[in-house]
């Protein structure tokens, strides 16, 4: 079973369609946070360590999809603005994330977008809110490009490191990389909660 799964994943990771899949997953992740774009980019990075996909193309594909998805979310926020935000039920996790994003955007602007990229759920709330509050598109695009390149570089780099350390066991490398990425996400979430409590 394990060998079959490994060969199936290896087939996907060496397919020329991999980069298009990474772009698509990262776009969808802007609206459906359950879409595993981080895991896919990390896994592609793991296989890049053992003659799989090209690491630079993995970074570019992940970043391109994330940038596209963020810009669509920004446009939705800009077009629907307060109608979208007013439909969020008060007291929910989504409402708290939106309130944090609005406050953080007002106080910190673009750098908030970079940090939100690494907070689970932060990306969606922040991009929609930045559009809804009229954050300037040019500044949004600049900070979003930086955020997405850092995110894709981080995910694929962690995967690549795991793939190098566990060269004979790519799933172990991917699991180690995923664990590290989850720990960083946990730290980012705790830092977010701490700053929101102030």
C-alpha atoms as a PDB file:
ATOM      1  CA  UNK A   1       0.000   0.000   0.000  1.00  0.00           C
ATOM      2  CA  UNK A   2       2.761   2.433   0.973  1.00  0.00           C
ATOM      3  CA  UNK A   3       4.719   1.809  -2.228  1.00  0.00           C
ATOM      4  CA  UNK A   4       1.594   2.302  -4.336  1.00  0.00           C
ATOM      5  CA  UNK A   5       0.801   5.609  -2.614  1.00  0.00           C
ATOM      6  CA  UNK A   6       4.410   6.740  -3.002  1.00  0.00           C
ATOM      7  CA  UNK A   7       4.400   5.925  -6.709  1.00  0.00           C
ATOM      8  CA  UNK A   8       1.078   7.710  -7.198  1.00  0.00           C
ATOM      9  CA  UNK A   9       2.351  10.851  -5.453  1.00  0.00           C
ATOM     10  CA  UNK A  10       5.677  10.624  -7.291  1.00  0.00           C
ATOM     11  CA  UNK A  11       3.730  10.459 -10.572  1.00  0.00           C
ATOM     12  CA  UNK A  12       1.849  13.643  -9.680  1.00  0.00           C
ATOM     13  CA  UNK A  13       5.028  15.359  -8.505  1.00  0.00           C
ATOM     14  CA  UNK A  14       6.812  14.644 -11.781  1.00  0.00           C
ATOM     15  CA  UNK A  15       3.872  15.569 -13.991  1.00  0.00           C
ATOM     16  CA  UNK A  16       4.166  18.727 -16.077  1.00  0.00           C
ATOM     17  CA  UNK A  17       0.662  19.547 -14.796  1.00  0.00           C
ATOM     18  CA  UNK A  18       1.913  19.824 -11.221  1.00  0.00           C
ATOM     19  CA  UNK A  19       2.569  23.564 -11.511  1.00  0.00           C
ATOM     20  CA  UNK A  20      -0.956  24.222 -12.813  1.00  0.00           C
ATOM     21  CA  UNK A  21      -2.379  22.152  -9.941  1.00  0.00           C
ATOM     22  CA  UNK A  22      -0.362  24.193  -7.429  1.00  0.00           C
ATOM     23  CA  UNK A  23      -1.627  27.447  -8.953  1.00  0.00           C
ATOM     24  CA  UNK A  24      -5.225  26.190  -8.845  1.00  0.00           C
ATOM     25  CA  UNK A  25      -5.027  24.991  -5.245  1.00  0.00           C
ATOM     26  CA  UNK A  26      -3.509  28.285  -4.100  1.00  0.00           C
ATOM     27  CA  UNK A  27      -6.251  30.266  -5.884  1.00  0.00           C
ATOM     28  CA  UNK A  28      -8.995  28.133  -4.302  1.00  0.00           C
ATOM     29  CA  UNK A  29      -7.391  28.449  -0.880  1.00  0.00           C
ATOM     30  CA  UNK A  30      -8.260  32.164  -0.907  1.00  0.00           C
ATOM     31  CA  UNK A  31     -11.952  31.233  -0.571  1.00  0.00           C
ATOM     32  CA  UNK A  32     -11.892  27.711   0.785  1.00  0.00           C
ATOM     33  CA  UNK A  33      -9.277  27.622   3.544  1.00  0.00           C
ATOM     34  CA  UNK A  34      -9.670  23.848   3.786  1.00  0.00           C
ATOM     35  CA  UNK A  35      -8.012  23.476   0.372  1.00  0.00           C
ATOM     36  CA  UNK A  36      -4.538  22.122   1.179  1.00  0.00           C
ATOM     37  CA  UNK A  37      -2.389  24.546  -0.803  1.00  0.00           C
ATOM     38  CA  UNK A  38       0.276  24.744   1.924  1.00  0.00           C
ATOM     39  CA  UNK A  39       0.513  20.973   2.063  1.00  0.00           C
ATOM     40  CA  UNK A  40       0.700  20.675  -1.727  1.00  0.00           C
ATOM     41  CA  UNK A  41       3.475  23.277  -2.013  1.00  0.00           C
ATOM     42  CA  UNK A  42       5.331  21.679   0.897  1.00  0.00           C
ATOM     43  CA  UNK A  43       4.990  18.199  -0.609  1.00  0.00           C
ATOM     44  CA  UNK A  44       6.214  19.471  -3.979  1.00  0.00           C
ATOM     45  CA  UNK A  45       9.207  20.982  -2.175  1.00  0.00           C
ATOM     46  CA  UNK A  46       9.878  17.616  -0.532  1.00  0.00           C
ATOM     47  CA  UNK A  47       9.945  15.854  -3.884  1.00  0.00           C
ATOM     48  CA  UNK A  48      12.040  18.631  -5.427  1.00  0.00           C
ATOM     49  CA  UNK A  49      14.844  17.460  -3.146  1.00  0.00           C
ATOM     50  CA  UNK A  50      14.939  14.099  -4.933  1.00  0.00           C
ATOM     51  CA  UNK A  51      14.879  15.044  -8.608  1.00  0.00           C
ATOM     52  CA  UNK A  52      11.167  15.801  -8.681  1.00  0.00           C
ATOM     53  CA  UNK A  53       9.758  19.180  -9.666  1.00  0.00           C
ATOM     54  CA  UNK A  54      11.909  22.268 -10.058  1.00  0.00           C
ATOM     55  CA  UNK A  55      11.981  24.067  -6.696  1.00  0.00           C
ATOM     56  CA  UNK A  56      11.978  27.555  -8.228  1.00  0.00           C
ATOM     57  CA  UNK A  57       8.930  26.683 -10.334  1.00  0.00           C
ATOM     58  CA  UNK A  58       7.167  25.287  -7.255  1.00  0.00           C
ATOM     59  CA  UNK A  59       7.739  28.613  -5.472  1.00  0.00           C
ATOM     60  CA  UNK A  60       6.575  30.615  -8.478  1.00  0.00           C
ATOM     61  CA  UNK A  61       3.482  28.453  -9.046  1.00  0.00           C
ATOM     62  CA  UNK A  62       2.451  28.603  -5.391  1.00  0.00           C
ATOM     63  CA  UNK A  63       3.041  32.351  -5.219  1.00  0.00           C
ATOM     64  CA  UNK A  64       1.257  33.037  -8.520  1.00  0.00           C
ATOM     65  CA  UNK A  65      -1.838  31.137  -7.409  1.00  0.00           C
ATOM     66  CA  UNK A  66      -1.834  32.826  -4.013  1.00  0.00           C
ATOM     67  CA  UNK A  67      -1.455  36.279  -5.589  1.00  0.00           C
ATOM     68  CA  UNK A  68      -4.310  35.590  -8.011  1.00  0.00           C
ATOM     69  CA  UNK A  69      -6.581  34.264  -5.259  1.00  0.00           C
ATOM     70  CA  UNK A  70      -5.803  37.180  -2.968  1.00  0.00           C
ATOM     71  CA  UNK A  71      -6.566  39.681  -5.710  1.00  0.00           C
ATOM     72  CA  UNK A  72      -9.903  38.023  -6.436  1.00  0.00           C
ATOM     73  CA  UNK A  73     -10.745  38.148  -2.712  1.00  0.00           C
ATOM     74  CA  UNK A  74      -9.662  41.803  -2.606  1.00  0.00           C
ATOM     75  CA  UNK A  75     -11.906  42.548  -5.619  1.00  0.00           C
ATOM     76  CA  UNK A  76     -14.853  40.771  -3.974  1.00  0.00           C
ATOM     77  CA  UNK A  77     -14.290  42.799  -0.821  1.00  0.00           C
ATOM     78  CA  UNK A  78     -14.020  45.996  -2.858  1.00  0.00           C
ATOM     79  CA  UNK A  79     -17.170  45.255  -4.901  1.00  0.00           C
ATOM     80  CA  UNK A  80     -19.383  43.963  -2.120  1.00  0.00           C
ATOM     81  CA  UNK A  81     -17.770  45.805   0.777  1.00  0.00           C
ATOM     82  CA  UNK A  82     -20.012  46.275   3.749  1.00  0.00           C
ATOM     83  CA  UNK A  83     -22.640  43.868   2.370  1.00  0.00           C
ATOM     84  CA  UNK A  84     -20.206  40.984   2.783  1.00  0.00           C
ATOM     85  CA  UNK A  85     -18.911  42.127   6.149  1.00  0.00           C
ATOM     86  CA  UNK A  86     -22.371  42.822   7.578  1.00  0.00           C
ATOM     87  CA  UNK A  87     -23.511  39.249   6.851  1.00  0.00           C
ATOM     88  CA  UNK A  88     -20.899  37.750   9.124  1.00  0.00           C
ATOM     89  CA  UNK A  89     -22.698  36.568  12.282  1.00  0.00           C
ATOM     90  CA  UNK A  90     -21.434  38.526  15.309  1.00  0.00           C
ATOM     91  CA  UNK A  91     -19.403  36.649  17.881  1.00  0.00           C
ATOM     92  CA  UNK A  92     -18.205  34.017  15.411  1.00  0.00           C
ATOM     93  CA  UNK A  93     -14.600  33.208  14.677  1.00  0.00           C
ATOM     94  CA  UNK A  94     -15.049  34.789  11.244  1.00  0.00           C
ATOM     95  CA  UNK A  95     -16.384  37.997  12.804  1.00  0.00           C
ATOM     96  CA  UNK A  96     -13.431  38.148  15.188  1.00  0.00           C
ATOM     97  CA  UNK A  97     -10.984  37.567  12.330  1.00  0.00           C
ATOM     98  CA  UNK A  98     -12.641  40.282  10.252  1.00  0.00           C
ATOM     99  CA  UNK A  99     -12.613  42.743  13.167  1.00  0.00           C
ATOM    100  CA  UNK A 100      -8.951  42.003  13.812  1.00  0.00           C
ATOM    101  CA  UNK A 101      -8.136  42.430  10.107  1.00  0.00           C
ATOM    102  CA  UNK A 102      -9.976  45.763   9.914  1.00  0.00           C
ATOM    103  CA  UNK A 103      -8.242  47.087  13.029  1.00  0.00           C
ATOM    104  CA  UNK A 104      -4.827  45.775  12.030  1.00  0.00           C
ATOM    105  CA  UNK A 105      -5.178  47.160   8.508  1.00  0.00           C
ATOM    106  CA  UNK A 106      -6.121  50.570   9.884  1.00  0.00           C
ATOM    107  CA  UNK A 107      -3.127  50.540  12.242  1.00  0.00           C
ATOM    108  CA  UNK A 108      -0.475  48.724  10.244  1.00  0.00           C
ATOM    109  CA  UNK A 109      -1.514  48.629   6.622  1.00  0.00           C
ATOM    110  CA  UNK A 110       0.414  46.413   4.244  1.00  0.00           C
ATOM    111  CA  UNK A 111       2.759  44.634   6.669  1.00  0.00           C
ATOM    112  CA  UNK A 112      -0.346  43.121   8.265  1.00  0.00           C
ATOM    113  CA  UNK A 113      -1.010  41.302   5.007  1.00  0.00           C
ATOM    114  CA  UNK A 114       2.445  39.726   5.134  1.00  0.00           C
ATOM    115  CA  UNK A 115       1.880  38.470   8.680  1.00  0.00           C
ATOM    116  CA  UNK A 116      -1.682  37.348   7.980  1.00  0.00           C
ATOM    117  CA  UNK A 117      -0.391  35.032   5.261  1.00  0.00           C
ATOM    118  CA  UNK A 118       1.011  32.804   8.023  1.00  0.00           C
ATOM    119  CA  UNK A 119      -2.022  32.902  10.362  1.00  0.00           C
ATOM    120  CA  UNK A 120      -4.656  30.221   9.681  1.00  0.00           C
ATOM    121  CA  UNK A 121      -7.712  32.030   8.317  1.00  0.00           C
ATOM    122  CA  UNK A 122      -5.875  35.351   8.405  1.00  0.00           C
ATOM    123  CA  UNK A 123      -5.314  35.505   4.677  1.00  0.00           C
ATOM    124  CA  UNK A 124      -8.983  35.365   3.716  1.00  0.00           C
ATOM    125  CA  UNK A 125     -10.174  37.801   6.370  1.00  0.00           C
ATOM    126  CA  UNK A 126      -7.412  40.276   5.614  1.00  0.00           C
ATOM    127  CA  UNK A 127      -7.704  40.283   1.817  1.00  0.00           C
ATOM    128  CA  UNK A 128     -11.490  40.678   1.884  1.00  0.00           C
ATOM    129  CA  UNK A 129     -11.268  43.388   4.533  1.00  0.00           C
ATOM    130  CA  UNK A 130      -8.548  45.298   2.693  1.00  0.00           C
ATOM    131  CA  UNK A 131     -10.767  45.378  -0.375  1.00  0.00           C
ATOM    132  CA  UNK A 132     -13.849  46.342   1.619  1.00  0.00           C
ATOM    133  CA  UNK A 133     -12.087  49.168   3.455  1.00  0.00           C
ATOM    134  CA  UNK A 134     -10.628  50.634   0.267  1.00  0.00           C
ATOM    135  CA  UNK A 135      -6.984  49.846   0.964  1.00  0.00           C
ATOM    136  CA  UNK A 136      -5.090  51.125  -2.117  1.00  0.00           C
ATOM    137  CA  UNK A 137      -4.742  48.401  -4.760  1.00  0.00           C
ATOM    138  CA  UNK A 138      -1.155  49.299  -5.681  1.00  0.00           C
ATOM    139  CA  UNK A 139       0.000  48.984  -2.060  1.00  0.00           C
ATOM    140  CA  UNK A 140      -2.055  45.821  -1.643  1.00  0.00           C
ATOM    141  CA  UNK A 141      -0.414  44.291  -4.729  1.00  0.00           C
ATOM    142  CA  UNK A 142       3.084  45.148  -3.538  1.00  0.00           C
ATOM    143  CA  UNK A 143       2.645  43.717  -0.055  1.00  0.00           C
ATOM    144  CA  UNK A 144       0.689  40.731  -1.342  1.00  0.00           C
ATOM    145  CA  UNK A 145       3.442  39.814  -3.788  1.00  0.00           C
ATOM    146  CA  UNK A 146       6.007  39.914  -0.978  1.00  0.00           C
ATOM    147  CA  UNK A 147       3.719  37.892   1.306  1.00  0.00           C
ATOM    148  CA  UNK A 148       2.979  35.243  -1.315  1.00  0.00           C
ATOM    149  CA  UNK A 149       6.615  34.824  -2.338  1.00  0.00           C
ATOM    150  CA  UNK A 150       7.643  34.471   1.315  1.00  0.00           C
ATOM    151  CA  UNK A 151       4.830  31.992   1.947  1.00  0.00           C
ATOM    152  CA  UNK A 152       5.574  29.847  -1.116  1.00  0.00           C
ATOM    153  CA  UNK A 153       9.306  30.005  -0.418  1.00  0.00           C
ATOM    154  CA  UNK A 154       8.740  29.013   3.202  1.00  0.00           C
ATOM    155  CA  UNK A 155       6.411  26.097   2.404  1.00  0.00           C
ATOM    156  CA  UNK A 156       8.515  24.692  -0.408  1.00  0.00           C
ATOM    157  CA  UNK A 157      11.768  25.359   1.472  1.00  0.00           C
ATOM    158  CA  UNK A 158      10.577  23.489   4.549  1.00  0.00           C
ATOM    159  CA  UNK A 159       9.488  20.631   2.308  1.00  0.00           C
ATOM    160  CA  UNK A 160      12.807  20.678   0.481  1.00  0.00           C
ATOM    161  CA  UNK A 161      14.733  20.533   3.766  1.00  0.00           C
ATOM    162  CA  UNK A 162      12.609  17.587   4.904  1.00  0.00           C
ATOM    163  CA  UNK A 163      13.180  15.898   1.555  1.00  0.00           C
ATOM    164  CA  UNK A 164      16.952  16.303   1.878  1.00  0.00           C
ATOM    165  CA  UNK A 165      17.080  15.030   5.451  1.00  0.00           C
ATOM    166  CA  UNK A 166      14.784  12.078   4.738  1.00  0.00           C
ATOM    167  CA  UNK A 167      15.845  11.425   1.142  1.00  0.00           C
ATOM    168  CA  UNK A 168      14.902   7.734   1.247  1.00  0.00           C
ATOM    169  CA  UNK A 169      11.544   8.406   2.903  1.00  0.00           C
ATOM    170  CA  UNK A 170       9.822  11.386   1.234  1.00  0.00           C
ATOM    171  CA  UNK A 171       6.585  10.985   3.215  1.00  0.00           C
ATOM    172  CA  UNK A 172       8.570  11.200   6.456  1.00  0.00           C
ATOM    173  CA  UNK A 173      10.238  14.332   5.081  1.00  0.00           C
ATOM    174  CA  UNK A 174       6.855  15.784   4.170  1.00  0.00           C
ATOM    175  CA  UNK A 175       5.470  14.897   7.616  1.00  0.00           C
ATOM    176  CA  UNK A 176       8.459  16.537   9.321  1.00  0.00           C
ATOM    177  CA  UNK A 177       8.051  19.629   7.161  1.00  0.00           C
ATOM    178  CA  UNK A 178       4.310  19.752   7.803  1.00  0.00           C
ATOM    179  CA  UNK A 179       4.906  19.471  11.541  1.00  0.00           C
ATOM    180  CA  UNK A 180       7.364  22.364  11.425  1.00  0.00           C
ATOM    181  CA  UNK A 181       4.968  24.455   9.333  1.00  0.00           C
ATOM    182  CA  UNK A 182       2.123  23.711  11.770  1.00  0.00           C
ATOM    183  CA  UNK A 183       4.299  24.790  14.685  1.00  0.00           C
ATOM    184  CA  UNK A 184       5.102  28.065  12.934  1.00  0.00           C
ATOM    185  CA  UNK A 185       1.382  28.520  12.226  1.00  0.00           C
ATOM    186  CA  UNK A 186       0.630  27.888  15.898  1.00  0.00           C
ATOM    187  CA  UNK A 187       3.211  30.471  16.977  1.00  0.00           C
ATOM    188  CA  UNK A 188       1.772  32.972  14.474  1.00  0.00           C
ATOM    189  CA  UNK A 189      -1.748  32.301  15.759  1.00  0.00           C
ATOM    190  CA  UNK A 190      -0.678  32.777  19.376  1.00  0.00           C
ATOM    191  CA  UNK A 191       1.125  36.004  18.466  1.00  0.00           C
ATOM    192  CA  UNK A 192      -2.003  37.164  16.623  1.00  0.00           C
ATOM    193  CA  UNK A 193      -4.196  36.427  19.642  1.00  0.00           C
ATOM    194  CA  UNK A 194      -1.774  38.189  21.940  1.00  0.00           C
ATOM    195  CA  UNK A 195      -1.728  41.323  19.785  1.00  0.00           C
ATOM    196  CA  UNK A 196      -5.530  41.221  19.442  1.00  0.00           C
ATOM    197  CA  UNK A 197      -5.892  41.079  23.231  1.00  0.00           C
ATOM    198  CA  UNK A 198      -3.976  44.371  23.661  1.00  0.00           C
END
